[in-house]
Amino acid sequence: MQTSRKFIAAHYMRLFYEGSILFFCVLGLVLAVALGAYLLDLIFSPR
C-alpha cells in the first residue's frame, strides 16, 4: 500500500512539473506575440 501511495505522489508531481513547463512555454509565446505587436504598432503607427 505504501509503494502505491508513493507512486501516485510521483505521478502527480510529474504531471504538475510537465504542466508548469507547458504553462510557461505558452506564457512566453503570448508575451512574445504581445511584445511583437506592440513594437510593430510603435514602428508603423503614424506620429
PDB file of N, CA and C in Angstrom:
ATOM      1  N   MET A   1       0.833  -1.201   0.000  1.00  0.00           N
ATOM      2  CA  MET A   1       0.000   0.000   0.000  1.00  0.00           C
ATOM      3  C   MET A   1       0.874   1.259   0.000  1.00  0.00           C
ATOM      4  N   GLN A   2       1.981   1.211   0.736  1.00  0.00           N
ATOM      5  CA  GLN A   2       2.851   2.379   0.828  1.00  0.00           C
ATOM      6  C   GLN A   2       3.514   2.684  -0.529  1.00  0.00           C
ATOM      7  N   THR A   3       3.880   1.633  -1.255  1.00  0.00           N
ATOM      8  CA  THR A   3       4.547   1.844  -2.535  1.00  0.00           C
ATOM      9  C   THR A   3       3.592   2.484  -3.539  1.00  0.00           C
ATOM     10  N   SER A   4       2.333   2.073  -3.541  1.00  0.00           N
ATOM     11  CA  SER A   4       1.374   2.648  -4.487  1.00  0.00           C
ATOM     12  C   SER A   4       1.123   4.123  -4.158  1.00  0.00           C
ATOM     13  N   ARG A   5       1.114   4.452  -2.871  1.00  0.00           N
ATOM     14  CA  ARG A   5       0.923   5.855  -2.494  1.00  0.00           C
ATOM     15  C   ARG A   5       2.104   6.694  -2.980  1.00  0.00           C
ATOM     16  N   LYS A   6       3.305   6.162  -2.840  1.00  0.00           N
ATOM     17  CA  LYS A   6       4.491   6.876  -3.312  1.00  0.00           C
ATOM     18  C   LYS A   6       4.446   7.018  -4.841  1.00  0.00           C
ATOM     19  N   PHE A   7       3.978   5.967  -5.522  1.00  0.00           N
ATOM     20  CA  PHE A   7       3.873   6.000  -6.976  1.00  0.00           C
ATOM     21  C   PHE A   7       2.872   7.071  -7.417  1.00  0.00           C
ATOM     22  N   ILE A   8       1.750   7.154  -6.721  1.00  0.00           N
ATOM     23  CA  ILE A   8       0.733   8.153  -7.065  1.00  0.00           C
ATOM     24  C   ILE A   8       1.281   9.561  -6.836  1.00  0.00           C
ATOM     25  N   ALA A   9       2.005   9.756  -5.743  1.00  0.00           N
ATOM     26  CA  ALA A   9       2.586  11.065  -5.457  1.00  0.00           C
ATOM     27  C   ALA A   9       3.590  11.454  -6.543  1.00  0.00           C
ATOM     28  N   ALA A  10       4.415  10.509  -6.969  1.00  0.00           N
ATOM     29  CA  ALA A  10       5.390  10.792  -8.018  1.00  0.00           C
ATOM     30  C   ALA A  10       4.683  11.113  -9.329  1.00  0.00           C
ATOM     31  N   HIS A  11       3.582  10.402  -9.590  1.00  0.00           N
ATOM     32  CA  HIS A  11       2.814  10.637 -10.811  1.00  0.00           C
ATOM     33  C   HIS A  11       2.247  12.061 -10.816  1.00  0.00           C
ATOM     34  N   TYR A  12       1.692  12.486  -9.689  1.00  0.00           N
ATOM     35  CA  TYR A  12       1.126  13.831  -9.618  1.00  0.00           C
ATOM     36  C   TYR A  12       2.216  14.898  -9.688  1.00  0.00           C
ATOM     37  N   MET A  13       3.369  14.621  -9.100  1.00  0.00           N
ATOM     38  CA  MET A  13       4.471  15.571  -9.182  1.00  0.00           C
ATOM     39  C   MET A  13       4.928  15.734 -10.632  1.00  0.00           C
ATOM     40  N   ARG A  14       4.991  14.612 -11.372  1.00  0.00           N
ATOM     41  CA  ARG A  14       5.397  14.689 -12.770  1.00  0.00           C
ATOM     42  C   ARG A  14       4.361  15.447 -13.600  1.00  0.00           C
ATOM     43  N   LEU A  15       3.085  15.197 -13.320  1.00  0.00           N
ATOM     44  CA  LEU A  15       2.025  15.914 -14.028  1.00  0.00           C
ATOM     45  C   LEU A  15       2.135  17.421 -13.771  1.00  0.00           C
ATOM     46  N   PHE A  16       2.345  17.789 -12.508  1.00  0.00           N
ATOM     47  CA  PHE A  16       2.467  19.204 -12.143  1.00  0.00           C
ATOM     48  C   PHE A  16       3.691  19.833 -12.809  1.00  0.00           C
ATOM     49  N   TYR A  17       4.812  19.073 -12.835  1.00  0.00           N
ATOM     50  CA  TYR A  17       6.054  19.558 -13.430  1.00  0.00           C
ATOM     51  C   TYR A  17       5.876  19.824 -14.922  1.00  0.00           C
ATOM     52  N   GLU A  18       5.306  18.829 -15.640  1.00  0.00           N
ATOM     53  CA  GLU A  18       5.110  18.991 -17.079  1.00  0.00           C
ATOM     54  C   GLU A  18       4.093  20.087 -17.369  1.00  0.00           C
ATOM     55  N   GLY A  19       3.061  20.191 -16.529  1.00  0.00           N
ATOM     56  CA  GLY A  19       2.051  21.223 -16.721  1.00  0.00           C
ATOM     57  C   GLY A  19       2.631  22.616 -16.542  1.00  0.00           C
ATOM     58  N   SER A  20       3.516  22.769 -15.551  1.00  0.00           N
ATOM     59  CA  SER A  20       4.115  24.082 -15.320  1.00  0.00           C
ATOM     60  C   SER A  20       5.045  24.453 -16.476  1.00  0.00           C
ATOM     61  N   ILE A  21       5.769  23.464 -17.019  1.00  0.00           N
ATOM     62  CA  ILE A  21       6.634  23.731 -18.172  1.00  0.00           C
ATOM     63  C   ILE A  21       5.791  24.174 -19.365  1.00  0.00           C
ATOM     64  N   LEU A  22       4.688  23.457 -19.603  1.00  0.00           N
ATOM     65  CA  LEU A  22       3.794  23.806 -20.709  1.00  0.00           C
ATOM     66  C   LEU A  22       3.212  25.199 -20.497  1.00  0.00           C
ATOM     67  N   PHE A  23       2.832  25.490 -19.249  1.00  0.00           N
ATOM     68  CA  PHE A  23       2.247  26.800 -18.927  1.00  0.00           C
ATOM     69  C   PHE A  23       3.244  27.921 -19.208  1.00  0.00           C
ATOM     70  N   PHE A  24       4.507  27.711 -18.817  1.00  0.00           N
ATOM     71  CA  PHE A  24       5.494  28.766 -19.035  1.00  0.00           C
ATOM     72  C   PHE A  24       5.828  28.919 -20.515  1.00  0.00           C
ATOM     73  N   CYS A  25       5.786  27.814 -21.273  1.00  0.00           N
ATOM     74  CA  CYS A  25       6.002  27.911 -22.720  1.00  0.00           C
ATOM     75  C   CYS A  25       4.899  28.744 -23.361  1.00  0.00           C
ATOM     76  N   VAL A  26       3.644  28.459 -22.988  1.00  0.00           N
ATOM     77  CA  VAL A  26       2.513  29.202 -23.548  1.00  0.00           C
ATOM     78  C   VAL A  26       2.581  30.667 -23.123  1.00  0.00           C
ATOM     79  N   LEU A  27       2.954  30.900 -21.868  1.00  0.00           N
ATOM     80  CA  LEU A  27       3.051  32.274 -21.367  1.00  0.00           C
ATOM     81  C   LEU A  27       4.133  33.049 -22.126  1.00  0.00           C
ATOM     82  N   GLY A  28       5.262  32.410 -22.369  1.00  0.00           N
ATOM     83  CA  GLY A  28       6.328  33.053 -23.126  1.00  0.00           C
ATOM     84  C   GLY A  28       5.903  33.363 -24.555  1.00  0.00           C
ATOM     85  N   LEU A  29       5.164  32.428 -25.169  1.00  0.00           N
ATOM     86  CA  LEU A  29       4.671  32.639 -26.528  1.00  0.00           C
ATOM     87  C   LEU A  29       3.723  33.832 -26.571  1.00  0.00           C
ATOM     88  N   VAL A  30       2.803  33.894 -25.608  1.00  0.00           N
ATOM     89  CA  VAL A  30       1.839  35.003 -25.563  1.00  0.00           C
ATOM     90  C   VAL A  30       2.558  36.336 -25.347  1.00  0.00           C
ATOM     91  N   LEU A  31       3.547  36.339 -24.446  1.00  0.00           N
ATOM     92  CA  LEU A  31       4.292  37.573 -24.194  1.00  0.00           C
ATOM     93  C   LEU A  31       5.075  38.004 -25.437  1.00  0.00           C
ATOM     94  N   ALA A  32       5.650  37.039 -26.155  1.00  0.00           N
ATOM     95  CA  ALA A  32       6.406  37.366 -27.359  1.00  0.00           C
ATOM     96  C   ALA A  32       5.485  37.960 -28.421  1.00  0.00           C
ATOM     97  N   VAL A  33       4.295  37.375 -28.583  1.00  0.00           N
ATOM     98  CA  VAL A  33       3.341  37.889 -29.573  1.00  0.00           C
ATOM     99  C   VAL A  33       2.879  39.293 -29.189  1.00  0.00           C
ATOM    100  N   ALA A  34       2.587  39.487 -27.892  1.00  0.00           N
ATOM    101  CA  ALA A  34       2.121  40.801 -27.444  1.00  0.00           C
ATOM    102  C   ALA A  34       3.215  41.852 -27.621  1.00  0.00           C
ATOM    103  N   LEU A  35       4.448  41.494 -27.281  1.00  0.00           N
ATOM    104  CA  LEU A  35       5.554  42.437 -27.423  1.00  0.00           C
ATOM    105  C   LEU A  35       5.810  42.749 -28.898  1.00  0.00           C
ATOM    106  N   GLY A  36       5.731  41.733 -29.753  1.00  0.00           N
ATOM    107  CA  GLY A  36       5.915  41.953 -31.184  1.00  0.00           C
ATOM    108  C   GLY A  36       4.847  42.870 -31.759  1.00  0.00           C
ATOM    109  N   ALA A  37       3.596  42.661 -31.357  1.00  0.00           N
ATOM    110  CA  ALA A  37       2.511  43.517 -31.837  1.00  0.00           C
ATOM    111  C   ALA A  37       2.705  44.948 -31.347  1.00  0.00           C
ATOM    112  N   TYR A  38       3.150  45.097 -30.108  1.00  0.00           N
ATOM    113  CA  TYR A  38       3.386  46.431 -29.543  1.00  0.00           C
ATOM    114  C   TYR A  38       4.509  47.153 -30.295  1.00  0.00           C
ATOM    115  N   LEU A  39       5.586  46.411 -30.592  1.00  0.00           N
ATOM    116  CA  LEU A  39       6.703  47.022 -31.310  1.00  0.00           C
ATOM    117  C   LEU A  39       6.309  47.381 -32.736  1.00  0.00           C
ATOM    118  N   LEU A  40       5.540  46.506 -33.396  1.00  0.00           N
ATOM    119  CA  LEU A  40       5.076  46.816 -34.744  1.00  0.00           C
ATOM    120  C   LEU A  40       4.181  48.043 -34.723  1.00  0.00           C
ATOM    121  N   ASP A  41       3.345  48.147 -33.694  1.00  0.00           N
ATOM    122  CA  ASP A  41       2.472  49.312 -33.569  1.00  0.00           C
ATOM    123  C   ASP A  41       3.304  50.580 -33.359  1.00  0.00           C
ATOM    124  N   LEU A  42       4.366  50.476 -32.574  1.00  0.00           N
ATOM    125  CA  LEU A  42       5.237  51.637 -32.353  1.00  0.00           C
ATOM    126  C   LEU A  42       5.932  52.049 -33.647  1.00  0.00           C
ATOM    127  N   ILE A  43       6.383  51.055 -34.424  1.00  0.00           N
ATOM    128  CA  ILE A  43       7.160  51.353 -35.627  1.00  0.00           C
ATOM    129  C   ILE A  43       6.268  51.924 -36.728  1.00  0.00           C
ATOM    130  N   PHE A  44       5.108  51.303 -36.940  1.00  0.00           N
ATOM    131  CA  PHE A  44       4.289  51.642 -38.103  1.00  0.00           C
ATOM    132  C   PHE A  44       3.170  52.631 -37.806  1.00  0.00           C
ATOM    133  N   SER A  45       3.014  53.042 -36.553  1.00  0.00           N
ATOM    134  CA  SER A  45       1.942  53.997 -36.265  1.00  0.00           C
ATOM    135  C   SER A  45       2.370  55.392 -36.712  1.00  0.00           C
ATOM    136  N   PRO A  46       1.484  56.099 -37.401  1.00  0.00           N
ATOM    137  CA  PRO A  46       1.827  57.472 -37.821  1.00  0.00           C
ATOM    138  C   PRO A  46       1.902  58.395 -36.621  1.00  0.00           C
ATOM    139  N   ARG A  47       2.904  59.242 -36.617  1.00  0.00           N
ATOM    140  CA  ARG A  47       3.085  60.166 -35.498  1.00  0.00           C
ATOM    141  C   ARG A  47       2.058  61.294 -35.580  1.00  0.00           C
TER     142      ARG A  47
END
